[in-house]
Amino acid sequence: MITIDMTRARAIHRDRIRAARAPLLAAADVDFQRALETGADTAAIVARKTALRAAPQDPAIDAATTPEQLAAVWPAALAAGGAP
């Protein structure tokens, strides 16, 4: 019987989330700089960046007790980046 180490699986899943959010954070940084340069409101960009930073700490990751439940956890902030 194969046993899944859920602690390790959660760590791997968080790493996948971090990898998926990296280009989205980079794009948000560019958007933020452009907004600052033009004097535009940055509130929405800051909220998006905050959500991206918080994505690996999604409580649903810790709540998952099976690999299937864990695989189903993909933070909404990463929806633009697509699920793995």
C-alpha atoms as a PDB file:
ATOM      1  CA  MET A   1       0.000   0.000   0.000  1.00  0.00           C
ATOM      2  CA  ILE A   2       1.255   3.448  -0.883  1.00  0.00           C
ATOM      3  CA  THR A   3       1.118   6.024   1.891  1.00  0.00           C
ATOM      4  CA  ILE A   4       1.109   9.736   1.117  1.00  0.00           C
ATOM      5  CA  ASP A   5       2.990  12.031   3.469  1.00  0.00           C
ATOM      6  CA  MET A   6       0.424  14.841   3.617  1.00  0.00           C
ATOM      7  CA  THR A   7       2.839  17.199   5.377  1.00  0.00           C
ATOM      8  CA  ARG A   8       5.255  16.883   2.473  1.00  0.00           C
ATOM      9  CA  ALA A   9       2.408  16.998  -0.051  1.00  0.00           C
ATOM     10  CA  ARG A  10       1.228  20.302   1.444  1.00  0.00           C
ATOM     11  CA  ALA A  11       4.749  21.718   1.211  1.00  0.00           C
ATOM     12  CA  ILE A  12       5.004  20.676  -2.445  1.00  0.00           C
ATOM     13  CA  HIS A  13       1.587  22.177  -3.179  1.00  0.00           C
ATOM     14  CA  ARG A  14       2.616  25.461  -1.547  1.00  0.00           C
ATOM     15  CA  ASP A  15       5.772  25.490  -3.682  1.00  0.00           C
ATOM     16  CA  ARG A  16       3.614  25.016  -6.801  1.00  0.00           C
ATOM     17  CA  ILE A  17       1.439  27.927  -5.722  1.00  0.00           C
ATOM     18  CA  ARG A  18       4.525  30.082  -5.169  1.00  0.00           C
ATOM     19  CA  ALA A  19       5.832  29.192  -8.636  1.00  0.00           C
ATOM     20  CA  ALA A  20       2.473  30.003 -10.230  1.00  0.00           C
ATOM     21  CA  ARG A  21       2.171  33.339  -8.458  1.00  0.00           C
ATOM     22  CA  ALA A  22       5.698  34.567  -9.316  1.00  0.00           C
ATOM     23  CA  PRO A  23       4.880  35.876 -12.825  1.00  0.00           C
ATOM     24  CA  LEU A  24       1.583  37.324 -11.568  1.00  0.00           C
ATOM     25  CA  LEU A  25       3.395  39.224  -8.816  1.00  0.00           C
ATOM     26  CA  ALA A  26       5.942  40.491 -11.328  1.00  0.00           C
ATOM     27  CA  ALA A  27       3.153  41.739 -13.585  1.00  0.00           C
ATOM     28  CA  ALA A  28       1.423  43.377 -10.622  1.00  0.00           C
ATOM     29  CA  ASP A  29       4.679  45.141  -9.737  1.00  0.00           C
ATOM     30  CA  VAL A  30       4.832  46.571 -13.256  1.00  0.00           C
ATOM     31  CA  ASP A  31       1.179  47.644 -13.039  1.00  0.00           C
ATOM     32  CA  PHE A  32       1.878  49.292  -9.681  1.00  0.00           C
ATOM     33  CA  GLN A  33       4.856  51.237 -11.016  1.00  0.00           C
ATOM     34  CA  ARG A  34       2.868  52.403 -14.040  1.00  0.00           C
ATOM     35  CA  ALA A  35       0.009  53.505 -11.793  1.00  0.00           C
ATOM     36  CA  LEU A  36       2.419  55.472  -9.617  1.00  0.00           C
ATOM     37  CA  GLU A  37       3.939  57.138 -12.659  1.00  0.00           C
ATOM     38  CA  THR A  38       0.550  58.241 -13.957  1.00  0.00           C
ATOM     39  CA  GLY A  39      -0.936  59.091 -10.575  1.00  0.00           C
ATOM     40  CA  ALA A  40      -3.630  56.426 -10.919  1.00  0.00           C
ATOM     41  CA  ASP A  41      -5.236  54.704  -7.948  1.00  0.00           C
ATOM     42  CA  THR A  42      -3.187  51.742  -6.749  1.00  0.00           C
ATOM     43  CA  ALA A  43      -5.690  50.248  -4.273  1.00  0.00           C
ATOM     44  CA  ALA A  44      -6.841  47.431  -6.564  1.00  0.00           C
ATOM     45  CA  ILE A  45      -3.266  46.534  -7.465  1.00  0.00           C
ATOM     46  CA  VAL A  46      -2.238  46.480  -3.806  1.00  0.00           C
ATOM     47  CA  ALA A  47      -5.209  44.231  -2.996  1.00  0.00           C
ATOM     48  CA  ARG A  48      -4.268  41.875  -5.833  1.00  0.00           C
ATOM     49  CA  LYS A  49      -0.644  41.711  -4.649  1.00  0.00           C
ATOM     50  CA  THR A  50      -1.767  41.073  -1.068  1.00  0.00           C
ATOM     51  CA  ALA A  51      -3.994  38.210  -2.193  1.00  0.00           C
ATOM     52  CA  LEU A  52      -1.134  36.714  -4.215  1.00  0.00           C
ATOM     53  CA  ARG A  53       1.236  36.926  -1.266  1.00  0.00           C
ATOM     54  CA  ALA A  54      -1.319  35.210   0.983  1.00  0.00           C
ATOM     55  CA  ALA A  55      -2.072  32.398  -1.481  1.00  0.00           C
ATOM     56  CA  PRO A  56       0.352  29.816  -0.008  1.00  0.00           C
ATOM     57  CA  GLN A  57      -1.191  30.300   3.439  1.00  0.00           C
ATOM     58  CA  ASP A  58      -4.688  29.341   2.276  1.00  0.00           C
ATOM     59  CA  PRO A  59      -6.268  27.506   5.260  1.00  0.00           C
ATOM     60  CA  ALA A  60      -7.804  24.961   2.878  1.00  0.00           C
ATOM     61  CA  ILE A  61      -4.310  23.585   2.269  1.00  0.00           C
ATOM     62  CA  ASP A  62      -3.940  22.640   5.928  1.00  0.00           C
ATOM     63  CA  ALA A  63      -7.525  21.369   6.051  1.00  0.00           C
ATOM     64  CA  ALA A  64      -6.965  18.926   3.182  1.00  0.00           C
ATOM     65  CA  THR A  65      -6.659  15.385   4.484  1.00  0.00           C
ATOM     66  CA  THR A  66      -6.293  13.544   1.177  1.00  0.00           C
ATOM     67  CA  PRO A  67      -4.240  14.178  -1.953  1.00  0.00           C
ATOM     68  CA  GLU A  68      -7.480  14.702  -3.895  1.00  0.00           C
ATOM     69  CA  GLN A  69      -8.662  17.416  -1.508  1.00  0.00           C
ATOM     70  CA  LEU A  70      -5.254  19.067  -1.665  1.00  0.00           C
ATOM     71  CA  ALA A  71      -5.214  19.018  -5.465  1.00  0.00           C
ATOM     72  CA  ALA A  72      -8.598  20.747  -5.471  1.00  0.00           C
ATOM     73  CA  VAL A  73      -7.213  23.702  -3.517  1.00  0.00           C
ATOM     74  CA  TRP A  74      -6.177  26.460  -5.898  1.00  0.00           C
ATOM     75  CA  PRO A  75      -6.504  30.022  -4.555  1.00  0.00           C
ATOM     76  CA  ALA A  76      -8.795  32.343  -6.510  1.00  0.00           C
ATOM     77  CA  ALA A  77      -5.999  34.925  -6.682  1.00  0.00           C
ATOM     78  CA  LEU A  78      -4.163  32.529  -8.994  1.00  0.00           C
ATOM     79  CA  ALA A  79      -7.099  31.881 -11.297  1.00  0.00           C
ATOM     80  CA  ALA A  80      -5.511  34.056 -13.977  1.00  0.00           C
ATOM     81  CA  GLY A  81      -2.405  31.851 -13.794  1.00  0.00           C
ATOM     82  CA  GLY A  82      -4.340  28.627 -14.154  1.00  0.00           C
ATOM     83  CA  ALA A  83      -4.328  25.572 -11.961  1.00  0.00           C
ATOM     84  CA  PRO A  84      -1.487  23.101 -12.358  1.00  0.00           C
END
